[in-house]
Amino acid sequence: MALESWDETTLFMRLMCVRWAFCAGVSLALISMTGCLRLLSLDYQATNSMKGQGAVSVAGFRYQATDEQRVRPHEVETPPRSEAKLFLSEPIGSVFSRALQSELVRSGYTVTESSPRTISGMVTRFYLDWTKETGRTFELEVTYSVQSDNRQPFSWRCSSIKTGSEMLEEDALLIKAGMADCIQRFLLAARDAQAL
């Protein structure tokens, strides 16, 4: 579209400025209404040294805070007085299931869609607190269940608390450390109980 005259060019520029100012205003209003929003992508790397074998499937883990409608599926629980919200790039239950699968594969298990052994569970706490003056704290609680064709179901519960400095960049490290701690302790407990 070629503009014919100076008046058309001026009108076009005014419309663009109004449109830009409107978009900027709406964005600022959304940010001030919702507080600070952060999106965090976790690149979880398996670290355990336990050895195992055989086929196992991992059913999806549920996130209790979402089931109870306290937070959204991607949202990390934070202190009620905090105006900031932290979201993961995928649902918390999915993040945890994928982390467990990667730890199982690293241990030597074959993760399949269906298996006589199935691990499922509930993430009952996935909480990050940065309002304390001493630094940041990540709290994780998970309940695991292993179902097997010829055995009694095995249930196990894990809690992990990790602390770090007040740096935003450490949030992902705290979360990954808490997940690794809980998953590795579960794998050892399940192996000792001969559930895996």
C-alpha atoms as a PDB file:
ATOM      1  CA  MET A   1       0.000   0.000   0.000  1.00  0.00           C
ATOM      2  CA  ALA A   2       1.625   3.225  -1.131  1.00  0.00           C
ATOM      3  CA  LEU A   3       0.629   6.364   0.708  1.00  0.00           C
ATOM      4  CA  GLU A   4      -0.368   9.130  -1.668  1.00  0.00           C
ATOM      5  CA  SER A   5       0.228  12.257   0.374  1.00  0.00           C
ATOM      6  CA  TRP A   6       1.755  13.745   3.458  1.00  0.00           C
ATOM      7  CA  ASP A   7      -1.665  13.758   5.192  1.00  0.00           C
ATOM      8  CA  GLU A   8      -2.130  10.034   4.636  1.00  0.00           C
ATOM      9  CA  THR A   9       1.382   9.347   5.959  1.00  0.00           C
ATOM     10  CA  THR A  10       0.750  11.452   9.077  1.00  0.00           C
ATOM     11  CA  LEU A  11      -2.593   9.720   9.701  1.00  0.00           C
ATOM     12  CA  PHE A  12      -0.966   6.317   9.279  1.00  0.00           C
ATOM     13  CA  MET A  13       1.801   7.205  11.766  1.00  0.00           C
ATOM     14  CA  ARG A  14      -0.726   8.492  14.305  1.00  0.00           C
ATOM     15  CA  LEU A  15      -2.733   5.275  14.062  1.00  0.00           C
ATOM     16  CA  MET A  16       0.408   3.200  14.591  1.00  0.00           C
ATOM     17  CA  CYS A  17       1.402   5.260  17.651  1.00  0.00           C
ATOM     18  CA  VAL A  18      -2.080   4.946  19.142  1.00  0.00           C
ATOM     19  CA  ARG A  19      -2.056   1.183  18.529  1.00  0.00           C
ATOM     20  CA  TRP A  20       1.402   0.826  20.094  1.00  0.00           C
ATOM     21  CA  ALA A  21       0.463   2.972  23.100  1.00  0.00           C
ATOM     22  CA  PHE A  22      -2.711   0.910  23.608  1.00  0.00           C
ATOM     23  CA  CYS A  23      -0.763  -2.383  23.527  1.00  0.00           C
ATOM     24  CA  ALA A  24       1.852  -1.043  25.939  1.00  0.00           C
ATOM     25  CA  GLY A  25      -0.869   0.189  28.307  1.00  0.00           C
ATOM     26  CA  VAL A  26      -2.684  -3.133  28.284  1.00  0.00           C
ATOM     27  CA  SER A  27       0.577  -4.999  28.928  1.00  0.00           C
ATOM     28  CA  LEU A  28       1.455  -2.751  31.886  1.00  0.00           C
ATOM     29  CA  ALA A  29      -2.043  -3.136  33.307  1.00  0.00           C
ATOM     30  CA  LEU A  30      -1.853  -6.940  33.089  1.00  0.00           C
ATOM     31  CA  ILE A  31       1.543  -7.039  34.761  1.00  0.00           C
ATOM     32  CA  SER A  32       0.451  -4.741  37.592  1.00  0.00           C
ATOM     33  CA  MET A  33      -2.771  -6.715  38.146  1.00  0.00           C
ATOM     34  CA  THR A  34      -1.080 -10.109  38.268  1.00  0.00           C
ATOM     35  CA  GLY A  35       2.245  -9.195  39.840  1.00  0.00           C
ATOM     36  CA  CYS A  36       5.526 -10.405  38.466  1.00  0.00           C
ATOM     37  CA  LEU A  37       5.255 -13.528  36.319  1.00  0.00           C
ATOM     38  CA  ARG A  38       8.273 -15.759  35.683  1.00  0.00           C
ATOM     39  CA  LEU A  39       8.491 -18.749  33.396  1.00  0.00           C
ATOM     40  CA  LEU A  40      11.100 -21.374  34.220  1.00  0.00           C
ATOM     41  CA  SER A  41      12.210 -24.204  31.966  1.00  0.00           C
ATOM     42  CA  LEU A  42      13.810 -27.166  33.738  1.00  0.00           C
ATOM     43  CA  ASP A  43      16.422 -29.166  31.903  1.00  0.00           C
ATOM     44  CA  TYR A  44      16.479 -32.120  34.284  1.00  0.00           C
ATOM     45  CA  GLN A  45      19.517 -34.393  34.004  1.00  0.00           C
ATOM     46  CA  ALA A  46      19.503 -37.799  35.714  1.00  0.00           C
ATOM     47  CA  THR A  47      22.321 -38.189  38.240  1.00  0.00           C
ATOM     48  CA  ASN A  48      21.751 -41.377  40.245  1.00  0.00           C
ATOM     49  CA  SER A  49      24.213 -44.253  40.330  1.00  0.00           C
ATOM     50  CA  MET A  50      21.808 -47.025  41.325  1.00  0.00           C
ATOM     51  CA  LYS A  51      21.622 -50.053  39.038  1.00  0.00           C
ATOM     52  CA  GLY A  52      18.450 -51.899  38.096  1.00  0.00           C
ATOM     53  CA  GLN A  53      16.910 -53.844  35.260  1.00  0.00           C
ATOM     54  CA  GLY A  54      13.612 -54.859  33.770  1.00  0.00           C
ATOM     55  CA  ALA A  55      10.637 -53.080  32.292  1.00  0.00           C
ATOM     56  CA  VAL A  56       8.662 -50.461  34.170  1.00  0.00           C
ATOM     57  CA  SER A  57       6.048 -47.919  33.150  1.00  0.00           C
ATOM     58  CA  VAL A  58       5.481 -44.509  34.683  1.00  0.00           C
ATOM     59  CA  ALA A  59       1.911 -43.303  34.920  1.00  0.00           C
ATOM     60  CA  GLY A  60       1.338 -39.581  35.125  1.00  0.00           C
ATOM     61  CA  PHE A  61       1.941 -37.961  38.480  1.00  0.00           C
ATOM     62  CA  ARG A  62      -0.817 -35.714  39.773  1.00  0.00           C
ATOM     63  CA  TYR A  63      -0.204 -32.318  41.397  1.00  0.00           C
ATOM     64  CA  GLN A  64      -2.294 -31.932  44.540  1.00  0.00           C
ATOM     65  CA  ALA A  65      -2.270 -28.122  44.536  1.00  0.00           C
ATOM     66  CA  THR A  66      -3.889 -28.200  41.079  1.00  0.00           C
ATOM     67  CA  ASP A  67      -6.387 -30.894  42.078  1.00  0.00           C
ATOM     68  CA  GLU A  68      -7.426 -28.669  44.987  1.00  0.00           C
ATOM     69  CA  GLN A  69      -7.532 -25.626  42.657  1.00  0.00           C
ATOM     70  CA  ARG A  70      -4.974 -23.655  44.667  1.00  0.00           C
ATOM     71  CA  VAL A  71      -2.723 -23.158  41.633  1.00  0.00           C
ATOM     72  CA  ARG A  72      -2.665 -23.888  37.908  1.00  0.00           C
ATOM     73  CA  PRO A  73      -0.990 -27.059  36.532  1.00  0.00           C
ATOM     74  CA  HIS A  74       2.211 -25.190  35.551  1.00  0.00           C
ATOM     75  CA  GLU A  75       2.354 -23.012  38.666  1.00  0.00           C
ATOM     76  CA  VAL A  76       4.804 -23.470  41.531  1.00  0.00           C
ATOM     77  CA  GLU A  77       3.258 -22.810  44.938  1.00  0.00           C
ATOM     78  CA  THR A  78       4.596 -19.627  46.539  1.00  0.00           C
ATOM     79  CA  PRO A  79       3.856 -17.782  49.801  1.00  0.00           C
ATOM     80  CA  PRO A  80       0.364 -16.239  49.836  1.00  0.00           C
ATOM     81  CA  ARG A  81       1.789 -12.776  50.528  1.00  0.00           C
ATOM     82  CA  SER A  82       4.044 -12.949  47.479  1.00  0.00           C
ATOM     83  CA  GLU A  83       2.916 -10.939  44.466  1.00  0.00           C
ATOM     84  CA  ALA A  84       5.229 -12.866  42.143  1.00  0.00           C
ATOM     85  CA  LYS A  85       4.127 -16.050  40.398  1.00  0.00           C
ATOM     86  CA  LEU A  86       6.455 -18.746  39.113  1.00  0.00           C
ATOM     87  CA  PHE A  87       5.427 -21.099  36.305  1.00  0.00           C
ATOM     88  CA  LEU A  88       7.228 -24.038  34.751  1.00  0.00           C
ATOM     89  CA  SER A  89       7.148 -24.454  30.977  1.00  0.00           C
ATOM     90  CA  GLU A  90       5.112 -27.667  31.374  1.00  0.00           C
ATOM     91  CA  PRO A  91       2.753 -29.039  34.059  1.00  0.00           C
ATOM     92  CA  ILE A  92       4.392 -29.941  37.388  1.00  0.00           C
ATOM     93  CA  GLY A  93       3.117 -33.546  37.250  1.00  0.00           C
ATOM     94  CA  SER A  94       4.595 -34.008  33.770  1.00  0.00           C
ATOM     95  CA  VAL A  95       7.937 -32.507  34.809  1.00  0.00           C
ATOM     96  CA  PHE A  96       8.123 -34.925  37.711  1.00  0.00           C
ATOM     97  CA  SER A  97       7.107 -37.959  35.607  1.00  0.00           C
ATOM     98  CA  ARG A  98       9.765 -37.163  32.983  1.00  0.00           C
ATOM     99  CA  ALA A  99      12.430 -36.704  35.679  1.00  0.00           C
ATOM    100  CA  LEU A 100      11.549 -40.087  37.193  1.00  0.00           C
ATOM    101  CA  GLN A 101      11.673 -41.724  33.753  1.00  0.00           C
ATOM    102  CA  SER A 102      15.129 -40.292  33.069  1.00  0.00           C
ATOM    103  CA  GLU A 103      16.422 -41.554  36.435  1.00  0.00           C
ATOM    104  CA  LEU A 104      14.980 -45.028  35.721  1.00  0.00           C
ATOM    105  CA  VAL A 105      16.632 -45.150  32.292  1.00  0.00           C
ATOM    106  CA  ARG A 106      19.965 -44.030  33.760  1.00  0.00           C
ATOM    107  CA  SER A 107      19.677 -46.860  36.314  1.00  0.00           C
ATOM    108  CA  GLY A 108      19.240 -49.455  33.562  1.00  0.00           C
ATOM    109  CA  TYR A 109      15.468 -49.941  33.553  1.00  0.00           C
ATOM    110  CA  THR A 110      13.500 -50.046  30.313  1.00  0.00           C
ATOM    111  CA  VAL A 111      10.658 -47.528  30.477  1.00  0.00           C
ATOM    112  CA  THR A 112       7.674 -48.685  28.405  1.00  0.00           C
ATOM    113  CA  GLU A 113       4.072 -47.607  27.882  1.00  0.00           C
ATOM    114  CA  SER A 114       2.741 -50.735  29.591  1.00  0.00           C
ATOM    115  CA  SER A 115       4.511 -53.038  31.989  1.00  0.00           C
ATOM    116  CA  PRO A 116       3.646 -55.408  34.829  1.00  0.00           C
ATOM    117  CA  ARG A 117       5.302 -52.800  37.097  1.00  0.00           C
ATOM    118  CA  THR A 118       3.796 -49.314  37.090  1.00  0.00           C
ATOM    119  CA  ILE A 119       4.897 -46.311  39.119  1.00  0.00           C
ATOM    120  CA  SER A 120       2.419 -43.532  39.808  1.00  0.00           C
ATOM    121  CA  GLY A 121       2.062 -40.886  42.458  1.00  0.00           C
ATOM    122  CA  MET A 122       1.070 -37.498  43.733  1.00  0.00           C
ATOM    123  CA  VAL A 123       3.212 -34.386  44.108  1.00  0.00           C
ATOM    124  CA  THR A 124       1.730 -33.109  47.363  1.00  0.00           C
ATOM    125  CA  ARG A 125       4.048 -30.110  47.775  1.00  0.00           C
ATOM    126  CA  PHE A 126       6.021 -28.150  45.169  1.00  0.00           C
ATOM    127  CA  TYR A 127       6.712 -24.898  46.976  1.00  0.00           C
ATOM    128  CA  LEU A 128       9.298 -22.158  46.538  1.00  0.00           C
ATOM    129  CA  ASP A 129       9.675 -19.452  49.174  1.00  0.00           C
ATOM    130  CA  TRP A 130      11.870 -16.447  48.468  1.00  0.00           C
ATOM    131  CA  THR A 131      10.338 -14.115  51.060  1.00  0.00           C
ATOM    132  CA  LYS A 132      12.645 -15.216  53.885  1.00  0.00           C
ATOM    133  CA  GLU A 133      15.629 -13.003  54.606  1.00  0.00           C
ATOM    134  CA  THR A 134      17.977 -15.983  54.789  1.00  0.00           C
ATOM    135  CA  GLY A 135      17.576 -16.956  51.120  1.00  0.00           C
ATOM    136  CA  ARG A 136      15.368 -19.201  49.051  1.00  0.00           C
ATOM    137  CA  THR A 137      13.796 -22.507  50.097  1.00  0.00           C
ATOM    138  CA  PHE A 138      12.319 -25.202  47.878  1.00  0.00           C
ATOM    139  CA  GLU A 139      10.083 -27.806  49.529  1.00  0.00           C
ATOM    140  CA  LEU A 140       9.024 -30.993  47.751  1.00  0.00           C
ATOM    141  CA  GLU A 141       6.782 -33.798  48.971  1.00  0.00           C
ATOM    142  CA  VAL A 142       5.858 -36.759  46.804  1.00  0.00           C
ATOM    143  CA  THR A 143       3.894 -39.946  47.426  1.00  0.00           C
ATOM    144  CA  TYR A 144       4.897 -42.858  45.186  1.00  0.00           C
ATOM    145  CA  SER A 145       3.055 -46.079  44.435  1.00  0.00           C
ATOM    146  CA  VAL A 146       4.413 -49.136  42.625  1.00  0.00           C
ATOM    147  CA  GLN A 147       1.833 -51.602  41.317  1.00  0.00           C
ATOM    148  CA  SER A 148       2.998 -55.022  40.248  1.00  0.00           C
ATOM    149  CA  ASP A 149       1.040 -58.013  38.941  1.00  0.00           C
ATOM    150  CA  ASN A 150       2.083 -60.537  41.577  1.00  0.00           C
ATOM    151  CA  ARG A 151       2.987 -58.336  44.539  1.00  0.00           C
ATOM    152  CA  GLN A 152       1.502 -56.140  47.191  1.00  0.00           C
ATOM    153  CA  PRO A 153       1.462 -52.488  46.158  1.00  0.00           C
ATOM    154  CA  PHE A 154       4.463 -50.560  47.440  1.00  0.00           C
ATOM    155  CA  SER A 155       3.880 -47.006  48.690  1.00  0.00           C
ATOM    156  CA  TRP A 156       6.528 -44.571  49.801  1.00  0.00           C
ATOM    157  CA  ARG A 157       6.574 -40.903  50.732  1.00  0.00           C
ATOM    158  CA  CYS A 158       9.460 -38.487  50.353  1.00  0.00           C
ATOM    159  CA  SER A 159      10.148 -34.950  51.563  1.00  0.00           C
ATOM    160  CA  SER A 160      13.045 -32.806  50.470  1.00  0.00           C
ATOM    161  CA  ILE A 161      13.985 -29.267  51.467  1.00  0.00           C
ATOM    162  CA  LYS A 162      16.714 -27.412  49.596  1.00  0.00           C
ATOM    163  CA  THR A 163      17.977 -23.935  50.437  1.00  0.00           C
ATOM    164  CA  GLY A 164      19.993 -21.460  48.421  1.00  0.00           C
ATOM    165  CA  SER A 165      20.952 -17.834  48.090  1.00  0.00           C
ATOM    166  CA  GLU A 166      18.576 -15.042  47.130  1.00  0.00           C
ATOM    167  CA  MET A 167      19.533 -15.197  43.449  1.00  0.00           C
ATOM    168  CA  LEU A 168      16.709 -15.782  40.947  1.00  0.00           C
ATOM    169  CA  GLU A 169      19.032 -17.878  38.805  1.00  0.00           C
ATOM    170  CA  GLU A 170      19.218 -20.538  41.530  1.00  0.00           C
ATOM    171  CA  ASP A 171      15.503 -21.399  41.467  1.00  0.00           C
ATOM    172  CA  ALA A 172      15.936 -24.052  38.759  1.00  0.00           C
ATOM    173  CA  LEU A 173      18.953 -25.524  40.582  1.00  0.00           C
ATOM    174  CA  LEU A 174      17.025 -25.781  43.860  1.00  0.00           C
ATOM    175  CA  ILE A 175      14.049 -27.439  42.170  1.00  0.00           C
ATOM    176  CA  LYS A 176      16.211 -29.932  40.263  1.00  0.00           C
ATOM    177  CA  ALA A 177      18.212 -30.772  43.417  1.00  0.00           C
ATOM    178  CA  GLY A 178      15.033 -31.415  45.405  1.00  0.00           C
ATOM    179  CA  MET A 179      13.582 -33.606  42.659  1.00  0.00           C
ATOM    180  CA  ALA A 180      16.819 -35.601  42.280  1.00  0.00           C
ATOM    181  CA  ASP A 181      17.030 -36.148  46.046  1.00  0.00           C
ATOM    182  CA  CYS A 182      13.445 -37.397  46.315  1.00  0.00           C
ATOM    183  CA  ILE A 183      13.600 -39.621  43.229  1.00  0.00           C
ATOM    184  CA  GLN A 184      16.913 -41.221  44.193  1.00  0.00           C
ATOM    185  CA  ARG A 185      15.715 -42.004  47.726  1.00  0.00           C
ATOM    186  CA  PHE A 186      12.515 -43.510  46.292  1.00  0.00           C
ATOM    187  CA  LEU A 187      14.472 -45.734  43.878  1.00  0.00           C
ATOM    188  CA  LEU A 188      16.656 -47.017  46.719  1.00  0.00           C
ATOM    189  CA  ALA A 189      13.638 -47.672  48.962  1.00  0.00           C
ATOM    190  CA  ALA A 190      11.747 -49.445  46.153  1.00  0.00           C
ATOM    191  CA  ARG A 191      14.779 -51.572  45.325  1.00  0.00           C
ATOM    192  CA  ASP A 192      15.309 -52.490  48.995  1.00  0.00           C
ATOM    193  CA  ALA A 193      11.633 -53.501  49.221  1.00  0.00           C
ATOM    194  CA  GLN A 194      12.062 -55.522  45.993  1.00  0.00           C
ATOM    195  CA  ALA A 195       9.304 -53.469  44.357  1.00  0.00           C
ATOM    196  CA  LEU A 196      11.682 -52.550  41.494  1.00  0.00           C
END
